Amino acid sequence: DIPLLFPFSAAPLGVAYARLGRFDEGLSLLARAAEKAAEMKRMVDAPL
């Protein structure tokens, strides 16, 4: 339960999944990462 790190793990994992053709999983993780970061007002790396 380390929510601070969730976007930093989930976002790159999401794009890695997409690079391997796992689009639904990847896009879902990327959306969750952006949502969690916004909830925490954590904007570091948001453009990335």
All heavy atoms as atom14 arrays in JSON, in Angstrom:
{
  "sequence": "DIPLLFPFSAAPLGVAYARLGRFDEGLSLLARAAEKAAEMKRMVDAPL",
  "atom14_mask": [
    [1, 1, 1, 1, 1, 1, 1, 1, 0, 0, 0, 0, 0, 0],
    [1, 1, 1, 1, 1, 1, 1, 1, 0, 0, 0, 0, 0, 0],
    [1, 1, 1, 1, 1, 1, 1, 0, 0, 0, 0, 0, 0, 0],
    [1, 1, 1, 1, 1, 1, 1, 1, 0, 0, 0, 0, 0, 0],
    [1, 1, 1, 1, 1, 1, 1, 1, 0, 0, 0, 0, 0, 0],
    [1, 1, 1, 1, 1, 1, 1, 1, 1, 1, 1, 0, 0, 0],
    [1, 1, 1, 1, 1, 1, 1, 0, 0, 0, 0, 0, 0, 0],
    [1, 1, 1, 1, 1, 1, 1, 1, 1, 1, 1, 0, 0, 0],
    [1, 1, 1, 1, 1, 1, 0, 0, 0, 0, 0, 0, 0, 0],
    [1, 1, 1, 1, 1, 0, 0, 0, 0, 0, 0, 0, 0, 0],
    [1, 1, 1, 1, 1, 0, 0, 0, 0, 0, 0, 0, 0, 0],
    [1, 1, 1, 1, 1, 1, 1, 0, 0, 0, 0, 0, 0, 0],
    [1, 1, 1, 1, 1, 1, 1, 1, 0, 0, 0, 0, 0, 0],
    [1, 1, 1, 1, 0, 0, 0, 0, 0, 0, 0, 0, 0, 0],
    [1, 1, 1, 1, 1, 1, 1, 0, 0, 0, 0, 0, 0, 0],
    [1, 1, 1, 1, 1, 0, 0, 0, 0, 0, 0, 0, 0, 0],
    [1, 1, 1, 1, 1, 1, 1, 1, 1, 1, 1, 1, 0, 0],
    [1, 1, 1, 1, 1, 0, 0, 0, 0, 0, 0, 0, 0, 0],
    [1, 1, 1, 1, 1, 1, 1, 1, 1, 1, 1, 0, 0, 0],
    [1, 1, 1, 1, 1, 1, 1, 1, 0, 0, 0, 0, 0, 0],
    [1, 1, 1, 1, 0, 0, 0, 0, 0, 0, 0, 0, 0, 0],
    [1, 1, 1, 1, 1, 1, 1, 1, 1, 1, 1, 0, 0, 0],
    [1, 1, 1, 1, 1, 1, 1, 1, 1, 1, 1, 0, 0, 0],
    [1, 1, 1, 1, 1, 1, 1, 1, 0, 0, 0, 0, 0, 0],
    [1, 1, 1, 1, 1, 1, 1, 1, 1, 0, 0, 0, 0, 0],
    [1, 1, 1, 1, 0, 0, 0, 0, 0, 0, 0, 0, 0, 0],
    [1, 1, 1, 1, 1, 1, 1, 1, 0, 0, 0, 0, 0, 0],
    [1, 1, 1, 1, 1, 1, 0, 0, 0, 0, 0, 0, 0, 0],
    [1, 1, 1, 1, 1, 1, 1, 1, 0, 0, 0, 0, 0, 0],
    [1, 1, 1, 1, 1, 1, 1, 1, 0, 0, 0, 0, 0, 0],
    [1, 1, 1, 1, 1, 0, 0, 0, 0, 0, 0, 0, 0, 0],
    [1, 1, 1, 1, 1, 1, 1, 1, 1, 1, 1, 0, 0, 0],
    [1, 1, 1, 1, 1, 0, 0, 0, 0, 0, 0, 0, 0, 0],
    [1, 1, 1, 1, 1, 0, 0, 0, 0, 0, 0, 0, 0, 0],
    [1, 1, 1, 1, 1, 1, 1, 1, 1, 0, 0, 0, 0, 0],
    [1, 1, 1, 1, 1, 1, 1, 1, 1, 0, 0, 0, 0, 0],
    [1, 1, 1, 1, 1, 0, 0, 0, 0, 0, 0, 0, 0, 0],
    [1, 1, 1, 1, 1, 0, 0, 0, 0, 0, 0, 0, 0, 0],
    [1, 1, 1, 1, 1, 1, 1, 1, 1, 0, 0, 0, 0, 0],
    [1, 1, 1, 1, 1, 1, 1, 1, 0, 0, 0, 0, 0, 0],
    [1, 1, 1, 1, 1, 1, 1, 1, 1, 0, 0, 0, 0, 0],
    [1, 1, 1, 1, 1, 1, 1, 1, 1, 1, 1, 0, 0, 0],
    [1, 1, 1, 1, 1, 1, 1, 1, 0, 0, 0, 0, 0, 0],
    [1, 1, 1, 1, 1, 1, 1, 0, 0, 0, 0, 0, 0, 0],
    [1, 1, 1, 1, 1, 1, 1, 1, 0, 0, 0, 0, 0, 0],
    [1, 1, 1, 1, 1, 0, 0, 0, 0, 0, 0, 0, 0, 0],
    [1, 1, 1, 1, 1, 1, 1, 0, 0, 0, 0, 0, 0, 0],
    [1, 1, 1, 1, 1, 1, 1, 1, 0, 0, 0, 0, 0, 0]
  ],
  "atom14_positions": [
    [[0.82, -1.21, 0.0], [0.0, 0.0, 0.0], [0.86, 1.27, 0.0], [0.87, 2.04, 0.96], [-0.97, 0.01, 1.18], [-2.04, 1.1, 1.03], [-2.35, 1.47, -0.12], [-2.53, 1.59, 2.06], [0.0, 0.0, 0.0], [0.0, 0.0, 0.0], [0.0, 0.0, 0.0], [0.0, 0.0, 0.0], [0.0, 0.0, 0.0], [0.0, 0.0, 0.0]],
    [[1.59, 1.45, -1.11], [2.44, 2.63, -1.3], [1.87, 3.41, -2.49], [2.39, 3.33, -3.61], [3.91, 2.23, -1.56], [4.4, 1.26, -0.49], [4.79, 3.48, -1.61], [5.75, 0.64, -0.79], [0.0, 0.0, 0.0], [0.0, 0.0, 0.0], [0.0, 0.0, 0.0], [0.0, 0.0, 0.0], [0.0, 0.0, 0.0], [0.0, 0.0, 0.0]],
    [[0.78, 4.15, -2.28], [0.13, 4.83, -3.4], [1.02, 5.84, -4.13], [0.86, 6.05, -5.33], [-1.07, 5.53, -2.76], [-0.83, 5.53, -1.3], [0.13, 4.41, -1.01], [0.0, 0.0, 0.0], [0.0, 0.0, 0.0], [0.0, 0.0, 0.0], [0.0, 0.0, 0.0], [0.0, 0.0, 0.0], [0.0, 0.0, 0.0], [0.0, 0.0, 0.0]],
    [[1.98, 6.41, -3.42], [2.88, 7.37, -4.04], [3.61, 6.78, -5.25], [3.83, 7.46, -6.25], [3.9, 7.85, -3.0], [4.96, 8.82, -3.48], [4.33, 10.16, -3.82], [6.05, 8.99, -2.44], [0.0, 0.0, 0.0], [0.0, 0.0, 0.0], [0.0, 0.0, 0.0], [0.0, 0.0, 0.0], [0.0, 0.0, 0.0], [0.0, 0.0, 0.0]],
    [[3.97, 5.51, -5.17], [4.72, 4.88, -6.25], [3.85, 4.23, -7.32], [4.36, 3.81, -8.35], [5.67, 3.81, -5.69], [6.94, 4.3, -5.03], [7.81, 3.12, -4.62], [7.72, 5.23, -5.93], [0.0, 0.0, 0.0], [0.0, 0.0, 0.0], [0.0, 0.0, 0.0], [0.0, 0.0, 0.0], [0.0, 0.0, 0.0], [0.0, 0.0, 0.0]],
    [[2.54, 4.15, -7.08], [1.68, 3.45, -8.04], [1.85, 3.99, -9.47], [2.1, 3.21, -10.4], [0.21, 3.48, -7.62], [-0.68, 2.77, -8.59], [-0.83, 1.39, -8.51], [-1.32, 3.45, -9.61], [-1.62, 0.71, -9.43], [-2.1, 2.79, -10.52], [-2.26, 1.42, -10.44], [0.0, 0.0, 0.0], [0.0, 0.0, 0.0], [0.0, 0.0, 0.0]],
    [[1.73, 5.31, -9.68], [1.88, 5.79, -11.07], [3.25, 5.51, -11.67], [3.37, 5.27, -12.87], [1.65, 7.3, -10.95], [0.94, 7.49, -9.66], [1.4, 6.39, -8.77], [0.0, 0.0, 0.0], [0.0, 0.0, 0.0], [0.0, 0.0, 0.0], [0.0, 0.0, 0.0], [0.0, 0.0, 0.0], [0.0, 0.0, 0.0], [0.0, 0.0, 0.0]],
    [[4.29, 5.52, -10.84], [5.65, 5.32, -11.33], [5.91, 3.86, -11.72], [6.87, 3.58, -12.43], [6.66, 5.78, -10.28], [6.59, 7.26, -10.04], [5.85, 7.77, -8.98], [7.24, 8.15, -10.88], [5.77, 9.13, -8.76], [7.16, 9.52, -10.67], [6.42, 10.01, -9.6], [0.0, 0.0, 0.0], [0.0, 0.0, 0.0], [0.0, 0.0, 0.0]],
    [[5.09, 2.96, -11.23], [5.19, 1.55, -11.62], [4.17, 1.2, -12.7], [4.5, 0.52, -13.67], [4.97, 0.65, -10.4], [5.92, 0.91, -9.4], [0.0, 0.0, 0.0], [0.0, 0.0, 0.0], [0.0, 0.0, 0.0], [0.0, 0.0, 0.0], [0.0, 0.0, 0.0], [0.0, 0.0, 0.0], [0.0, 0.0, 0.0], [0.0, 0.0, 0.0]],
    [[2.94, 1.67, -12.52], [1.85, 1.28, -13.42], [1.98, 1.9, -14.81], [1.71, 1.24, -15.81], [0.5, 1.66, -12.79], [0.0, 0.0, 0.0], [0.0, 0.0, 0.0], [0.0, 0.0, 0.0], [0.0, 0.0, 0.0], [0.0, 0.0, 0.0], [0.0, 0.0, 0.0], [0.0, 0.0, 0.0], [0.0, 0.0, 0.0], [0.0, 0.0, 0.0]],
    [[2.38, 3.17, -14.89], [2.44, 3.83, -16.2], [3.47, 3.18, -17.13], [3.14, 2.82, -18.27], [2.69, 5.33, -16.04], [0.0, 0.0, 0.0], [0.0, 0.0, 0.0], [0.0, 0.0, 0.0], [0.0, 0.0, 0.0], [0.0, 0.0, 0.0], [0.0, 0.0, 0.0], [0.0, 0.0, 0.0], [0.0, 0.0, 0.0], [0.0, 0.0, 0.0]],
    [[4.71, 2.99, -16.69], [5.65, 2.33, -17.61], [5.27, 0.87, -17.89], [5.49, 0.38, -19.0], [7.01, 2.44, -16.9], [6.71, 2.75, -15.48], [5.38, 3.44, -15.47], [0.0, 0.0, 0.0], [0.0, 0.0, 0.0], [0.0, 0.0, 0.0], [0.0, 0.0, 0.0], [0.0, 0.0, 0.0], [0.0, 0.0, 0.0], [0.0, 0.0, 0.0]],
    [[4.66, 0.21, -16.91], [4.2, -1.16, -17.16], [3.1, -1.16, -18.22], [3.07, -2.02, -19.1], [3.7, -1.82, -15.87], [3.19, -3.25, -15.99], [4.25, -4.18, -16.58], [2.73, -3.75, -14.62], [0.0, 0.0, 0.0], [0.0, 0.0, 0.0], [0.0, 0.0, 0.0], [0.0, 0.0, 0.0], [0.0, 0.0, 0.0], [0.0, 0.0, 0.0]],
    [[2.23, -0.17, -18.16], [1.16, -0.07, -19.16], [1.7, 0.06, -20.57], [1.24, -0.62, -21.5], [0.0, 0.0, 0.0], [0.0, 0.0, 0.0], [0.0, 0.0, 0.0], [0.0, 0.0, 0.0], [0.0, 0.0, 0.0], [0.0, 0.0, 0.0], [0.0, 0.0, 0.0], [0.0, 0.0, 0.0], [0.0, 0.0, 0.0], [0.0, 0.0, 0.0]],
    [[2.69, 0.91, -20.77], [3.25, 1.07, -22.12], [4.06, -0.16, -22.52], [4.07, -0.54, -23.7], [4.04, 2.38, -22.29], [5.41, 2.33, -21.67], [4.13, 2.76, -23.76], [0.0, 0.0, 0.0], [0.0, 0.0, 0.0], [0.0, 0.0, 0.0], [0.0, 0.0, 0.0], [0.0, 0.0, 0.0], [0.0, 0.0, 0.0], [0.0, 0.0, 0.0]],
    [[4.7, -0.82, -21.56], [5.42, -2.07, -21.88], [4.43, -3.13, -22.36], [4.7, -3.84, -23.34], [6.21, -2.56, -20.66], [0.0, 0.0, 0.0], [0.0, 0.0, 0.0], [0.0, 0.0, 0.0], [0.0, 0.0, 0.0], [0.0, 0.0, 0.0], [0.0, 0.0, 0.0], [0.0, 0.0, 0.0], [0.0, 0.0, 0.0], [0.0, 0.0, 0.0]],
    [[3.29, -3.23, -21.67], [2.25, -4.17, -22.13], [1.81, -3.83, -23.55], [1.67, -4.71, -24.4], [1.04, -4.12, -21.2], [1.15, -4.87, -19.9], [0.27, -4.58, -18.86], [2.09, -5.86, -19.68], [0.33, -5.25, -17.65], [2.17, -6.55, -18.47], [1.28, -6.24, -17.47], [1.34, -6.91, -16.27], [0.0, 0.0, 0.0], [0.0, 0.0, 0.0]],
    [[1.59, -2.55, -23.81], [1.15, -2.14, -25.16], [2.21, -2.49, -26.2], [1.88, -2.94, -27.3], [0.84, -0.65, -25.18], [0.0, 0.0, 0.0], [0.0, 0.0, 0.0], [0.0, 0.0, 0.0], [0.0, 0.0, 0.0], [0.0, 0.0, 0.0], [0.0, 0.0, 0.0], [0.0, 0.0, 0.0], [0.0, 0.0, 0.0], [0.0, 0.0, 0.0]],
    [[3.48, -2.3, -25.86], [4.56, -2.65, -26.79], [4.58, -4.14, -27.1], [5.05, -4.55, -28.16], [5.91, -2.24, -26.21], [6.14, -0.75, -26.14], [6.49, -0.21, -27.48], [6.93, 1.17, -27.39], [7.13, 1.92, -28.44], [6.96, 1.44, -29.66], [7.5, 3.16, -28.29], [0.0, 0.0, 0.0], [0.0, 0.0, 0.0], [0.0, 0.0, 0.0]],
    [[4.03, -4.94, -26.18], [3.95, -6.39, -26.39], [2.6, -6.82, -26.97], [2.31, -8.0, -27.02], [4.23, -7.12, -25.07], [5.66, -6.97, -24.54], [5.77, -7.51, -23.12], [6.65, -7.67, -25.46], [0.0, 0.0, 0.0], [0.0, 0.0, 0.0], [0.0, 0.0, 0.0], [0.0, 0.0, 0.0], [0.0, 0.0, 0.0], [0.0, 0.0, 0.0]],
    [[1.78, -5.85, -27.37], [0.49, -6.16, -27.98], [-0.64, -6.36, -26.98], [-1.74, -6.74, -27.38], [0.0, 0.0, 0.0], [0.0, 0.0, 0.0], [0.0, 0.0, 0.0], [0.0, 0.0, 0.0], [0.0, 0.0, 0.0], [0.0, 0.0, 0.0], [0.0, 0.0, 0.0], [0.0, 0.0, 0.0], [0.0, 0.0, 0.0], [0.0, 0.0, 0.0]],
    [[-0.4, -6.11, -25.73], [-1.42, -6.28, -24.68], [-2.09, -4.92, -24.44], [-1.95, -4.3, -23.39], [-0.76, -6.82, -23.41], [-0.16, -8.21, -23.62], [0.8, -8.63, -22.54], [0.2, -8.73, -21.22], [0.87, -9.11, -20.14], [2.15, -9.45, -20.23], [0.27, -9.16, -18.97], [0.0, 0.0, 0.0], [0.0, 0.0, 0.0], [0.0, 0.0, 0.0]],
    [[-2.82, -4.45, -25.48], [-3.34, -3.09, -25.49], [-4.34, -2.79, -24.39], [-4.26, -1.75, -23.74], [-3.96, -2.76, -26.86], [-3.0, -2.99, -28.0], [-3.29, -3.92, -28.97], [-1.81, -2.29, -28.07], [-2.42, -4.15, -30.02], [-0.92, -2.5, -29.11], [-1.23, -3.43, -30.09], [0.0, 0.0, 0.0], [0.0, 0.0, 0.0], [0.0, 0.0, 0.0]],
    [[-5.31, -3.68, -24.18], [-6.33, -3.41, -23.16], [-5.72, -3.29, -21.77], [-6.04, -2.36, -21.03], [-7.42, -4.49, -23.18], [-8.27, -4.46, -24.45], [-8.29, -3.4, -25.11], [-8.9, -5.48, -24.76], [0.0, 0.0, 0.0], [0.0, 0.0, 0.0], [0.0, 0.0, 0.0], [0.0, 0.0, 0.0], [0.0, 0.0, 0.0], [0.0, 0.0, 0.0]],
    [[-4.85, -4.23, -21.42], [-4.18, -4.18, -20.12], [-3.34, -2.91, -19.99], [-3.34, -2.25, -18.95], [-3.25, -5.38, -19.94], [-3.91, -6.69, -19.62], [-2.86, -7.79, -19.56], [-2.44, -8.25, -20.64], [-2.49, -8.16, -18.43], [0.0, 0.0, 0.0], [0.0, 0.0, 0.0], [0.0, 0.0, 0.0], [0.0, 0.0, 0.0], [0.0, 0.0, 0.0]],
    [[-2.62, -2.61, -21.04], [-1.74, -1.45, -21.02], [-2.5, -0.14, -20.87], [-2.17, 0.69, -20.02], [0.0, 0.0, 0.0], [0.0, 0.0, 0.0], [0.0, 0.0, 0.0], [0.0, 0.0, 0.0], [0.0, 0.0, 0.0], [0.0, 0.0, 0.0], [0.0, 0.0, 0.0], [0.0, 0.0, 0.0], [0.0, 0.0, 0.0], [0.0, 0.0, 0.0]],
    [[-3.53, 0.03, -21.68], [-4.31, 1.27, -21.61], [-5.04, 1.4, -20.28], [-5.14, 2.5, -19.72], [-5.28, 1.35, -22.79], [-4.6, 1.66, -24.12], [-5.54, 1.38, -25.29], [-4.11, 3.11, -24.15], [0.0, 0.0, 0.0], [0.0, 0.0, 0.0], [0.0, 0.0, 0.0], [0.0, 0.0, 0.0], [0.0, 0.0, 0.0], [0.0, 0.0, 0.0]],
    [[-5.5, 0.28, -19.74], [-6.16, 0.31, -18.44], [-5.2, 0.76, -17.34], [-5.53, 1.61, -16.51], [-6.74, -1.07, -18.12], [-7.27, -1.08, -16.81], [0.0, 0.0, 0.0], [0.0, 0.0, 0.0], [0.0, 0.0, 0.0], [0.0, 0.0, 0.0], [0.0, 0.0, 0.0], [0.0, 0.0, 0.0], [0.0, 0.0, 0.0], [0.0, 0.0, 0.0]],
    [[-4.0, 0.21, -17.33], [-3.0, 0.59, -16.33], [-2.59, 2.05, -16.48], [-2.43, 2.77, -15.49], [-1.76, -0.29, -16.45], [-1.66, -1.49, -15.54], [-0.37, -2.26, -15.8], [-1.77, -1.12, -14.08], [0.0, 0.0, 0.0], [0.0, 0.0, 0.0], [0.0, 0.0, 0.0], [0.0, 0.0, 0.0], [0.0, 0.0, 0.0], [0.0, 0.0, 0.0]],
    [[-2.41, 2.49, -17.71], [-2.04, 3.88, -17.95], [-3.12, 4.84, -17.45], [-2.82, 5.86, -16.83], [-1.76, 4.11, -19.44], [-0.4, 3.58, -19.9], [-0.41, 3.28, -21.38], [0.69, 4.58, -19.55], [0.0, 0.0, 0.0], [0.0, 0.0, 0.0], [0.0, 0.0, 0.0], [0.0, 0.0, 0.0], [0.0, 0.0, 0.0], [0.0, 0.0, 0.0]],
    [[-4.38, 4.49, -17.69], [-5.48, 5.34, -17.21], [-5.52, 5.36, -15.69], [-5.72, 6.42, -15.08], [-6.81, 4.85, -17.79], [0.0, 0.0, 0.0], [0.0, 0.0, 0.0], [0.0, 0.0, 0.0], [0.0, 0.0, 0.0], [0.0, 0.0, 0.0], [0.0, 0.0, 0.0], [0.0, 0.0, 0.0], [0.0, 0.0, 0.0], [0.0, 0.0, 0.0]],
    [[-5.34, 4.2, -15.07], [-5.34, 4.14, -13.59], [-4.18, 4.94, -13.01], [-4.33, 5.61, -11.99], [-5.26, 2.69, -13.12], [-6.57, 1.93, -13.26], [-6.48, 0.48, -12.8], [-5.92, 0.34, -11.47], [-5.19, -0.7, -11.08], [-4.93, -1.69, -11.93], [-4.72, -0.78, -9.86], [0.0, 0.0, 0.0], [0.0, 0.0, 0.0], [0.0, 0.0, 0.0]],
    [[-3.03, 4.87, -13.65], [-1.86, 5.62, -13.17], [-2.13, 7.12, -13.21], [-1.86, 7.84, -12.25], [-0.63, 5.28, -14.01], [0.0, 0.0, 0.0], [0.0, 0.0, 0.0], [0.0, 0.0, 0.0], [0.0, 0.0, 0.0], [0.0, 0.0, 0.0], [0.0, 0.0, 0.0], [0.0, 0.0, 0.0], [0.0, 0.0, 0.0], [0.0, 0.0, 0.0]],
    [[-2.69, 7.58, -14.32], [-3.0, 9.02, -14.45], [-4.05, 9.44, -13.43], [-3.95, 10.51, -12.82], [-3.47, 9.32, -15.87], [0.0, 0.0, 0.0], [0.0, 0.0, 0.0], [0.0, 0.0, 0.0], [0.0, 0.0, 0.0], [0.0, 0.0, 0.0], [0.0, 0.0, 0.0], [0.0, 0.0, 0.0], [0.0, 0.0, 0.0], [0.0, 0.0, 0.0]],
    [[-5.05, 8.59, -13.23], [-6.11, 8.88, -12.26], [-5.56, 8.97, -10.84], [-5.87, 9.91, -10.1], [-7.18, 7.79, -12.34], [-8.33, 7.95, -11.38], [-9.28, 6.77, -11.49], [-9.74, 6.49, -12.62], [-9.55, 6.14, -10.45], [0.0, 0.0, 0.0], [0.0, 0.0, 0.0], [0.0, 0.0, 0.0], [0.0, 0.0, 0.0], [0.0, 0.0, 0.0]],
    [[-4.74, 8.0, -10.46], [-4.15, 7.99, -9.1], [-3.23, 9.19, -8.9], [-3.23, 9.79, -7.83], [-3.38, 6.7, -8.84], [-4.22, 5.46, -8.82], [-5.08, 5.4, -7.58], [-5.8, 4.07, -7.52], [-6.77, 4.01, -6.46], [0.0, 0.0, 0.0], [0.0, 0.0, 0.0], [0.0, 0.0, 0.0], [0.0, 0.0, 0.0], [0.0, 0.0, 0.0]],
    [[-2.45, 9.52, -9.91], [-1.55, 10.67, -9.8], [-2.36, 11.96, -9.62], [-2.01, 12.8, -8.78], [-0.66, 10.77, -11.03], [0.0, 0.0, 0.0], [0.0, 0.0, 0.0], [0.0, 0.0, 0.0], [0.0, 0.0, 0.0], [0.0, 0.0, 0.0], [0.0, 0.0, 0.0], [0.0, 0.0, 0.0], [0.0, 0.0, 0.0], [0.0, 0.0, 0.0]],
    [[-3.44, 12.09, -10.37], [-4.29, 13.29, -10.25], [-4.94, 13.37, -8.87], [-5.02, 14.44, -8.27], [-5.34, 13.29, -11.34], [0.0, 0.0, 0.0], [0.0, 0.0, 0.0], [0.0, 0.0, 0.0], [0.0, 0.0, 0.0], [0.0, 0.0, 0.0], [0.0, 0.0, 0.0], [0.0, 0.0, 0.0], [0.0, 0.0, 0.0], [0.0, 0.0, 0.0]],
    [[-5.38, 12.22, -8.35], [-5.98, 12.2, -7.01], [-5.0, 12.69, -5.95], [-5.38, 13.37, -5.0], [-6.41, 10.77, -6.64], [-7.65, 10.28, -7.32], [-7.93, 8.81, -7.02], [-7.25, 8.21, -6.14], [-8.81, 8.25, -7.69], [0.0, 0.0, 0.0], [0.0, 0.0, 0.0], [0.0, 0.0, 0.0], [0.0, 0.0, 0.0], [0.0, 0.0, 0.0]],
    [[-3.73, 12.34, -6.13], [-2.7, 12.73, -5.16], [-2.1, 14.1, -5.49], [-1.21, 14.56, -4.79], [-1.57, 11.69, -5.14], [-1.97, 10.36, -4.6], [-0.55, 9.21, -4.52], [-0.23, 8.88, -6.24], [0.0, 0.0, 0.0], [0.0, 0.0, 0.0], [0.0, 0.0, 0.0], [0.0, 0.0, 0.0], [0.0, 0.0, 0.0], [0.0, 0.0, 0.0]],
    [[-2.59, 14.7, -6.6], [-2.01, 15.95, -7.1], [-0.5, 15.79, -7.35], [0.29, 16.67, -7.08], [-2.31, 17.1, -6.15], [-3.79, 17.38, -6.02], [-4.07, 18.59, -5.19], [-5.51, 18.91, -4.97], [-6.56, 18.29, -5.57], [0.0, 0.0, 0.0], [0.0, 0.0, 0.0], [0.0, 0.0, 0.0], [0.0, 0.0, 0.0], [0.0, 0.0, 0.0]],
    [[-0.15, 14.63, -7.86], [1.23, 14.25, -8.13], [1.48, 14.42, -9.62], [1.15, 13.55, -10.42], [1.43, 12.79, -7.71], [2.81, 12.3, -7.81], [3.55, 12.63, -6.55], [4.91, 12.14, -6.68], [5.93, 12.75, -6.15], [5.77, 13.81, -5.44], [7.14, 12.26, -6.32], [0.0, 0.0, 0.0], [0.0, 0.0, 0.0], [0.0, 0.0, 0.0]],
    [[2.07, 15.54, -10.01], [2.21, 15.84, -11.42], [3.6, 15.55, -11.99], [3.84, 15.71, -13.18], [1.85, 17.32, -11.67], [0.4, 17.65, -11.29], [-0.84, 16.51, -11.96], [-0.72, 16.86, -13.69], [0.0, 0.0, 0.0], [0.0, 0.0, 0.0], [0.0, 0.0, 0.0], [0.0, 0.0, 0.0], [0.0, 0.0, 0.0], [0.0, 0.0, 0.0]],
    [[4.53, 15.1, -11.14], [5.85, 14.74, -11.64], [5.69, 13.63, -12.68], [5.02, 12.64, -12.43], [6.75, 14.25, -10.48], [8.07, 13.71, -11.0], [6.98, 15.37, -9.48], [0.0, 0.0, 0.0], [0.0, 0.0, 0.0], [0.0, 0.0, 0.0], [0.0, 0.0, 0.0], [0.0, 0.0, 0.0], [0.0, 0.0, 0.0], [0.0, 0.0, 0.0]],
    [[6.25, 13.82, -13.83], [6.21, 12.87, -14.95], [4.84, 12.78, -15.64], [4.67, 11.94, -16.53], [6.65, 11.47, -14.52], [8.17, 11.32, -14.47], [8.87, 12.2, -14.98], [8.64, 10.31, -13.93], [0.0, 0.0, 0.0], [0.0, 0.0, 0.0], [0.0, 0.0, 0.0], [0.0, 0.0, 0.0], [0.0, 0.0, 0.0], [0.0, 0.0, 0.0]],
    [[3.87, 13.6, -15.27], [2.55, 13.52, -15.91], [2.65, 13.65, -17.44], [1.99, 12.88, -18.15], [1.6, 14.57, -15.33], [0.0, 0.0, 0.0], [0.0, 0.0, 0.0], [0.0, 0.0, 0.0], [0.0, 0.0, 0.0], [0.0, 0.0, 0.0], [0.0, 0.0, 0.0], [0.0, 0.0, 0.0], [0.0, 0.0, 0.0], [0.0, 0.0, 0.0]],
    [[3.46, 14.56, -17.99], [3.58, 14.6, -19.46], [4.16, 13.31, -20.04], [3.78, 12.89, -21.12], [4.52, 15.78, -19.71], [4.35, 16.65, -18.52], [4.16, 15.69, -17.37], [0.0, 0.0, 0.0], [0.0, 0.0, 0.0], [0.0, 0.0, 0.0], [0.0, 0.0, 0.0], [0.0, 0.0, 0.0], [0.0, 0.0, 0.0], [0.0, 0.0, 0.0]],
    [[5.07, 12.68, -19.3], [5.64, 11.41, -19.76], [4.56, 10.33, -19.8], [4.5, 9.53, -20.74], [6.79, 10.99, -18.85], [7.48, 9.66, -19.18], [8.11, 9.7, -20.58], [8.53, 9.35, -18.12], [0.0, 0.0, 0.0], [0.0, 0.0, 0.0], [0.0, 0.0, 0.0], [0.0, 0.0, 0.0], [0.0, 0.0, 0.0], [0.0, 0.0, 0.0]]
  ]
}
